[in-house]
Amino acid sequence: MNEFEHSPKTWPPLGLPTGSVRALLTLIVLAVVVTRTVLRRSPDPLWIETLLIALAHYFTSRRFVSLTPAVRQRLEQEGVLAQERNPLYLPKNSIRTIIIGTFFGLGIYLYREPRLVTPEAVALLSMVFAYLLGAIVRSISDCFARRRSQPMTGVWGDIKALIVLGALVLAAVPTVFDIGMSFPPLVDRIALGLTLFYFGSR
């Protein structure tokens, strides 16, 4: 047994399961952004940027090797991997479910107001849903990839990368080089939405 196994140095913050503090921070930022949107007060861009960074933590794959549940359980029993406890003692994927449910709830609320097509609501929801859509597409792709006997080619990845790079360069060039031409704001929004989709789908 490792002599430091039960040492305070190895305890997660506040003695909660690993990831609990990150979960609380994410839920607080989410609450601020959603509440200010509901109360017709535009969230500060810094709050939205922080929320997008938090989403990246929850909806981006972080493991170098994908393990099946059976292999993971065996490695945990053998002590090779530390046993994972779910943040805040909630069931697995609860924080992701809360995040997605909150934004769907916000969308429904704004639709009933009706405020769904206001610039602030469109800017916030389109960016968030672009990222979440990318994460959903990645999950579906991973499911299909596991069922295939042969690995998929990288053609779809190449096409996706070219589309996103092209859209972002198109939106970025007039801004960076100040060449006296500008596109409608919708072009920037589409380019940034595609970028978030790409990050979510990786």
C-alpha atoms as a PDB file:
ATOM      1  CA  MET A   1       0.000   0.000   0.000  1.00  0.00           C
ATOM      2  CA  ASN A   2       1.235   3.504  -0.822  1.00  0.00           C
ATOM      3  CA  GLU A   3       2.110   5.241   2.469  1.00  0.00           C
ATOM      4  CA  PHE A   4       0.675   8.494   1.124  1.00  0.00           C
ATOM      5  CA  GLU A   5      -2.583   6.920  -0.063  1.00  0.00           C
ATOM      6  CA  HIS A   6      -4.621   8.431   2.776  1.00  0.00           C
ATOM      7  CA  SER A   7      -2.421  11.473   3.286  1.00  0.00           C
ATOM      8  CA  PRO A   8      -4.010  14.947   3.100  1.00  0.00           C
ATOM      9  CA  LYS A   9      -1.613  15.636   0.220  1.00  0.00           C
ATOM     10  CA  THR A  10      -3.554  13.186  -1.950  1.00  0.00           C
ATOM     11  CA  TRP A  11      -7.029  14.224  -0.843  1.00  0.00           C
ATOM     12  CA  PRO A  12      -9.083  16.038  -3.476  1.00  0.00           C
ATOM     13  CA  PRO A  13     -10.061  19.646  -2.588  1.00  0.00           C
ATOM     14  CA  LEU A  14     -12.552  19.923   0.316  1.00  0.00           C
ATOM     15  CA  GLY A  15     -12.548  16.138   0.640  1.00  0.00           C
ATOM     16  CA  LEU A  16     -15.135  15.877  -2.153  1.00  0.00           C
ATOM     17  CA  PRO A  17     -14.859  13.462  -5.089  1.00  0.00           C
ATOM     18  CA  THR A  18     -12.389  14.539  -7.751  1.00  0.00           C
ATOM     19  CA  GLY A  19     -13.900  17.109 -10.075  1.00  0.00           C
ATOM     20  CA  SER A  20     -16.466  18.393  -7.561  1.00  0.00           C
ATOM     21  CA  VAL A  21     -14.975  21.878  -7.299  1.00  0.00           C
ATOM     22  CA  ARG A  22     -14.829  22.149 -11.111  1.00  0.00           C
ATOM     23  CA  ALA A  23     -18.459  21.024 -11.222  1.00  0.00           C
ATOM     24  CA  LEU A  24     -19.496  23.671  -8.690  1.00  0.00           C
ATOM     25  CA  LEU A  25     -17.584  26.407 -10.529  1.00  0.00           C
ATOM     26  CA  THR A  26     -19.214  25.394 -13.813  1.00  0.00           C
ATOM     27  CA  LEU A  27     -22.710  25.371 -12.309  1.00  0.00           C
ATOM     28  CA  ILE A  28     -22.167  28.810 -10.745  1.00  0.00           C
ATOM     29  CA  VAL A  29     -20.965  30.319 -14.038  1.00  0.00           C
ATOM     30  CA  LEU A  30     -23.871  28.628 -15.835  1.00  0.00           C
ATOM     31  CA  ALA A  31     -26.326  30.054 -13.280  1.00  0.00           C
ATOM     32  CA  VAL A  32     -24.954  33.595 -13.737  1.00  0.00           C
ATOM     33  CA  VAL A  33     -25.138  33.497 -17.545  1.00  0.00           C
ATOM     34  CA  VAL A  34     -28.623  31.958 -17.654  1.00  0.00           C
ATOM     35  CA  THR A  35     -30.046  34.189 -14.900  1.00  0.00           C
ATOM     36  CA  ARG A  36     -28.780  37.383 -16.508  1.00  0.00           C
ATOM     37  CA  THR A  37     -30.207  36.268 -19.855  1.00  0.00           C
ATOM     38  CA  VAL A  38     -33.614  35.515 -18.306  1.00  0.00           C
ATOM     39  CA  LEU A  39     -33.631  38.894 -16.506  1.00  0.00           C
ATOM     40  CA  ARG A  40     -32.897  40.718 -19.792  1.00  0.00           C
ATOM     41  CA  ARG A  41     -29.410  41.722 -18.650  1.00  0.00           C
ATOM     42  CA  SER A  42     -26.756  40.794 -21.193  1.00  0.00           C
ATOM     43  CA  PRO A  43     -24.069  38.624 -19.566  1.00  0.00           C
ATOM     44  CA  ASP A  44     -20.595  40.110 -19.632  1.00  0.00           C
ATOM     45  CA  PRO A  45     -18.572  38.498 -22.476  1.00  0.00           C
ATOM     46  CA  LEU A  46     -16.042  37.323 -19.875  1.00  0.00           C
ATOM     47  CA  TRP A  47     -18.724  35.158 -18.207  1.00  0.00           C
ATOM     48  CA  ILE A  48     -19.681  33.649 -21.565  1.00  0.00           C
ATOM     49  CA  GLU A  49     -16.040  32.941 -22.434  1.00  0.00           C
ATOM     50  CA  THR A  50     -15.535  31.292 -19.046  1.00  0.00           C
ATOM     51  CA  LEU A  51     -18.635  29.178 -19.621  1.00  0.00           C
ATOM     52  CA  LEU A  52     -17.328  28.024 -23.014  1.00  0.00           C
ATOM     53  CA  ILE A  53     -14.033  27.011 -21.397  1.00  0.00           C
ATOM     54  CA  ALA A  54     -15.977  25.032 -18.775  1.00  0.00           C
ATOM     55  CA  LEU A  55     -17.998  23.357 -21.535  1.00  0.00           C
ATOM     56  CA  ALA A  56     -14.739  22.357 -23.181  1.00  0.00           C
ATOM     57  CA  HIS A  57     -13.828  20.503 -19.995  1.00  0.00           C
ATOM     58  CA  TYR A  58     -17.070  18.551 -19.876  1.00  0.00           C
ATOM     59  CA  PHE A  59     -17.660  17.860 -23.551  1.00  0.00           C
ATOM     60  CA  THR A  60     -14.154  17.206 -24.879  1.00  0.00           C
ATOM     61  CA  SER A  61     -12.532  13.797 -24.724  1.00  0.00           C
ATOM     62  CA  ARG A  62      -9.535  13.923 -22.373  1.00  0.00           C
ATOM     63  CA  ARG A  63      -8.310  10.340 -22.327  1.00  0.00           C
ATOM     64  CA  PHE A  64      -5.346   9.311 -24.415  1.00  0.00           C
ATOM     65  CA  VAL A  65      -6.627   5.722 -24.560  1.00  0.00           C
ATOM     66  CA  SER A  66     -10.282   4.751 -24.716  1.00  0.00           C
ATOM     67  CA  LEU A  67     -10.998   1.855 -22.361  1.00  0.00           C
ATOM     68  CA  THR A  68     -14.029  -0.396 -22.298  1.00  0.00           C
ATOM     69  CA  PRO A  69     -15.924  -0.439 -18.965  1.00  0.00           C
ATOM     70  CA  ALA A  70     -14.785  -4.027 -18.298  1.00  0.00           C
ATOM     71  CA  VAL A  71     -11.092  -3.211 -18.849  1.00  0.00           C
ATOM     72  CA  ARG A  72     -11.355  -0.048 -16.767  1.00  0.00           C
ATOM     73  CA  GLN A  73     -13.017  -1.936 -13.899  1.00  0.00           C
ATOM     74  CA  ARG A  74     -10.309  -4.623 -13.988  1.00  0.00           C
ATOM     75  CA  LEU A  75      -7.507  -2.017 -13.942  1.00  0.00           C
ATOM     76  CA  GLU A  76      -9.166  -0.242 -11.017  1.00  0.00           C
ATOM     77  CA  GLN A  77      -9.436  -3.527  -9.092  1.00  0.00           C
ATOM     78  CA  GLU A  78      -5.765  -4.253  -9.772  1.00  0.00           C
ATOM     79  CA  GLY A  79      -4.819  -0.770  -8.567  1.00  0.00           C
ATOM     80  CA  VAL A  80      -3.365   0.307 -11.922  1.00  0.00           C
ATOM     81  CA  LEU A  81      -5.945   3.086 -12.235  1.00  0.00           C
ATOM     82  CA  ALA A  82      -7.387   5.117  -9.389  1.00  0.00           C
ATOM     83  CA  GLN A  83     -11.064   4.398  -8.885  1.00  0.00           C
ATOM     84  CA  GLU A  84     -13.174   7.262 -10.180  1.00  0.00           C
ATOM     85  CA  ARG A  85     -15.826   8.772  -7.976  1.00  0.00           C
ATOM     86  CA  ASN A  86     -18.408  10.996  -9.603  1.00  0.00           C
ATOM     87  CA  PRO A  87     -18.261  14.749  -8.855  1.00  0.00           C
ATOM     88  CA  LEU A  88     -20.585  15.895  -6.040  1.00  0.00           C
ATOM     89  CA  TYR A  89     -21.575  12.240  -5.477  1.00  0.00           C
ATOM     90  CA  LEU A  90     -24.014  12.527  -8.378  1.00  0.00           C
ATOM     91  CA  PRO A  91     -24.628   9.750 -10.938  1.00  0.00           C
ATOM     92  CA  LYS A  92     -22.261   9.580 -13.910  1.00  0.00           C
ATOM     93  CA  ASN A  93     -22.732  12.340 -16.521  1.00  0.00           C
ATOM     94  CA  SER A  94     -25.050  14.308 -14.197  1.00  0.00           C
ATOM     95  CA  ILE A  95     -23.186  17.600 -14.689  1.00  0.00           C
ATOM     96  CA  ARG A  96     -23.315  17.236 -18.479  1.00  0.00           C
ATOM     97  CA  THR A  97     -27.035  16.459 -18.269  1.00  0.00           C
ATOM     98  CA  ILE A  98     -27.649  19.517 -16.052  1.00  0.00           C
ATOM     99  CA  ILE A  99     -25.749  21.767 -18.482  1.00  0.00           C
ATOM    100  CA  ILE A 100     -27.614  20.504 -21.551  1.00  0.00           C
ATOM    101  CA  GLY A 101     -30.974  20.545 -19.748  1.00  0.00           C
ATOM    102  CA  THR A 102     -30.399  24.103 -18.538  1.00  0.00           C
ATOM    103  CA  PHE A 103     -29.743  25.413 -22.032  1.00  0.00           C
ATOM    104  CA  PHE A 104     -32.709  23.553 -23.496  1.00  0.00           C
ATOM    105  CA  GLY A 105     -34.842  24.972 -20.686  1.00  0.00           C
ATOM    106  CA  LEU A 106     -33.510  28.463 -21.396  1.00  0.00           C
ATOM    107  CA  GLY A 107     -34.302  28.059 -25.089  1.00  0.00           C
ATOM    108  CA  ILE A 108     -37.878  26.965 -24.320  1.00  0.00           C
ATOM    109  CA  TYR A 109     -38.340  29.833 -21.851  1.00  0.00           C
ATOM    110  CA  LEU A 110     -37.071  32.432 -24.327  1.00  0.00           C
ATOM    111  CA  TYR A 111     -39.263  30.948 -27.065  1.00  0.00           C
ATOM    112  CA  ARG A 112     -42.363  31.329 -24.902  1.00  0.00           C
ATOM    113  CA  GLU A 113     -41.542  34.933 -23.941  1.00  0.00           C
ATOM    114  CA  PRO A 114     -40.980  35.374 -27.041  1.00  0.00           C
ATOM    115  CA  ARG A 115     -37.329  36.467 -26.880  1.00  0.00           C
ATOM    116  CA  LEU A 116     -35.603  33.609 -28.670  1.00  0.00           C
ATOM    117  CA  VAL A 117     -34.659  35.733 -31.680  1.00  0.00           C
ATOM    118  CA  THR A 118     -33.210  38.695 -29.778  1.00  0.00           C
ATOM    119  CA  PRO A 119     -29.537  39.352 -30.650  1.00  0.00           C
ATOM    120  CA  GLU A 120     -28.360  38.455 -27.119  1.00  0.00           C
ATOM    121  CA  ALA A 121     -30.250  35.145 -27.012  1.00  0.00           C
ATOM    122  CA  VAL A 122     -29.190  34.162 -30.527  1.00  0.00           C
ATOM    123  CA  ALA A 123     -25.534  35.000 -29.807  1.00  0.00           C
ATOM    124  CA  LEU A 124     -25.450  32.969 -26.586  1.00  0.00           C
ATOM    125  CA  LEU A 125     -27.520  29.952 -27.611  1.00  0.00           C
ATOM    126  CA  SER A 126     -26.044  29.593 -31.097  1.00  0.00           C
ATOM    127  CA  MET A 127     -22.478  29.496 -29.726  1.00  0.00           C
ATOM    128  CA  VAL A 128     -23.331  27.035 -26.957  1.00  0.00           C
ATOM    129  CA  PHE A 129     -25.440  24.750 -29.137  1.00  0.00           C
ATOM    130  CA  ALA A 130     -22.798  24.750 -31.891  1.00  0.00           C
ATOM    131  CA  TYR A 131     -20.300  23.395 -29.379  1.00  0.00           C
ATOM    132  CA  LEU A 132     -22.750  20.897 -27.886  1.00  0.00           C
ATOM    133  CA  LEU A 133     -23.781  19.726 -31.356  1.00  0.00           C
ATOM    134  CA  GLY A 134     -20.137  19.025 -32.150  1.00  0.00           C
ATOM    135  CA  ALA A 135     -19.824  16.968 -28.953  1.00  0.00           C
ATOM    136  CA  ILE A 136     -22.974  14.996 -29.829  1.00  0.00           C
ATOM    137  CA  VAL A 137     -21.705  14.328 -33.361  1.00  0.00           C
ATOM    138  CA  ARG A 138     -18.393  13.102 -31.904  1.00  0.00           C
ATOM    139  CA  SER A 139     -20.205  10.723 -29.547  1.00  0.00           C
ATOM    140  CA  ILE A 140     -22.305   9.296 -32.387  1.00  0.00           C
ATOM    141  CA  SER A 141     -19.216   8.939 -34.595  1.00  0.00           C
ATOM    142  CA  ASP A 142     -17.369   7.131 -31.787  1.00  0.00           C
ATOM    143  CA  CYS A 143     -20.309   4.739 -31.411  1.00  0.00           C
ATOM    144  CA  PHE A 144     -20.272   3.875 -35.121  1.00  0.00           C
ATOM    145  CA  ALA A 145     -16.470   3.584 -35.136  1.00  0.00           C
ATOM    146  CA  ARG A 146     -16.551   1.002 -32.324  1.00  0.00           C
ATOM    147  CA  ARG A 147     -19.030  -1.129 -34.283  1.00  0.00           C
ATOM    148  CA  ARG A 148     -17.013  -1.127 -37.497  1.00  0.00           C
ATOM    149  CA  SER A 149     -14.527  -3.930 -38.089  1.00  0.00           C
ATOM    150  CA  GLN A 150     -12.257  -1.631 -40.102  1.00  0.00           C
ATOM    151  CA  PRO A 151     -11.149   1.856 -39.062  1.00  0.00           C
ATOM    152  CA  MET A 152     -12.854   4.746 -40.836  1.00  0.00           C
ATOM    153  CA  THR A 153     -10.856   6.835 -43.286  1.00  0.00           C
ATOM    154  CA  GLY A 154      -9.976  10.405 -42.427  1.00  0.00           C
ATOM    155  CA  VAL A 155     -11.832  11.907 -45.404  1.00  0.00           C
ATOM    156  CA  TRP A 156     -14.729  13.243 -43.306  1.00  0.00           C
ATOM    157  CA  GLY A 157     -12.246  14.773 -40.848  1.00  0.00           C
ATOM    158  CA  ASP A 158     -10.369  16.432 -43.720  1.00  0.00           C
ATOM    159  CA  ILE A 159     -13.570  17.858 -45.227  1.00  0.00           C
ATOM    160  CA  LYS A 160     -14.725  19.145 -41.845  1.00  0.00           C
ATOM    161  CA  ALA A 161     -11.337  20.763 -41.158  1.00  0.00           C
ATOM    162  CA  LEU A 162     -11.234  22.455 -44.583  1.00  0.00           C
ATOM    163  CA  ILE A 163     -14.760  23.867 -44.200  1.00  0.00           C
ATOM    164  CA  VAL A 164     -14.040  25.270 -40.736  1.00  0.00           C
ATOM    165  CA  LEU A 165     -10.634  26.674 -41.682  1.00  0.00           C
ATOM    166  CA  GLY A 166     -12.061  28.259 -44.830  1.00  0.00           C
ATOM    167  CA  ALA A 167     -14.950  29.888 -42.957  1.00  0.00           C
ATOM    168  CA  LEU A 168     -12.718  31.227 -40.189  1.00  0.00           C
ATOM    169  CA  VAL A 169     -10.072  32.578 -42.576  1.00  0.00           C
ATOM    170  CA  LEU A 170     -12.814  34.258 -44.626  1.00  0.00           C
ATOM    171  CA  ALA A 171     -14.115  35.983 -41.494  1.00  0.00           C
ATOM    172  CA  ALA A 172     -10.659  36.774 -40.092  1.00  0.00           C
ATOM    173  CA  VAL A 173      -8.903  38.301 -43.122  1.00  0.00           C
ATOM    174  CA  PRO A 174     -10.875  41.603 -43.274  1.00  0.00           C
ATOM    175  CA  THR A 175     -10.480  42.057 -39.514  1.00  0.00           C
ATOM    176  CA  VAL A 176      -6.775  41.281 -39.316  1.00  0.00           C
ATOM    177  CA  PHE A 177      -5.606  43.115 -42.432  1.00  0.00           C
ATOM    178  CA  ASP A 178      -8.143  45.991 -42.372  1.00  0.00           C
ATOM    179  CA  ILE A 179      -8.572  45.790 -46.142  1.00  0.00           C
ATOM    180  CA  GLY A 180     -11.561  48.141 -46.268  1.00  0.00           C
ATOM    181  CA  MET A 181     -14.213  45.479 -46.684  1.00  0.00           C
ATOM    182  CA  SER A 182     -16.394  43.813 -44.139  1.00  0.00           C
ATOM    183  CA  PHE A 183     -18.898  41.003 -44.086  1.00  0.00           C
ATOM    184  CA  PRO A 184     -22.263  41.055 -42.307  1.00  0.00           C
ATOM    185  CA  PRO A 185     -22.073  40.029 -38.607  1.00  0.00           C
ATOM    186  CA  LEU A 186     -23.774  36.765 -39.562  1.00  0.00           C
ATOM    187  CA  VAL A 187     -20.590  35.655 -41.354  1.00  0.00           C
ATOM    188  CA  ASP A 188     -18.546  36.045 -38.162  1.00  0.00           C
ATOM    189  CA  ARG A 189     -21.205  34.237 -36.162  1.00  0.00           C
ATOM    190  CA  ILE A 190     -21.307  31.305 -38.593  1.00  0.00           C
ATOM    191  CA  ALA A 191     -17.503  31.069 -38.696  1.00  0.00           C
ATOM    192  CA  LEU A 192     -17.190  31.109 -34.907  1.00  0.00           C
ATOM    193  CA  GLY A 193     -20.084  28.665 -34.564  1.00  0.00           C
ATOM    194  CA  LEU A 194     -18.362  26.253 -36.947  1.00  0.00           C
ATOM    195  CA  THR A 195     -15.141  26.654 -34.949  1.00  0.00           C
ATOM    196  CA  LEU A 196     -16.898  25.762 -31.698  1.00  0.00           C
ATOM    197  CA  PHE A 197     -18.605  22.849 -33.456  1.00  0.00           C
ATOM    198  CA  TYR A 198     -15.195  21.600 -34.601  1.00  0.00           C
ATOM    199  CA  PHE A 199     -13.720  21.806 -31.085  1.00  0.00           C
ATOM    200  CA  GLY A 200     -16.741  19.980 -29.700  1.00  0.00           C
ATOM    201  CA  SER A 201     -16.491  17.258 -32.328  1.00  0.00           C
ATOM    202  CA  ARG A 202     -12.822  16.456 -31.678  1.00  0.00           C
END
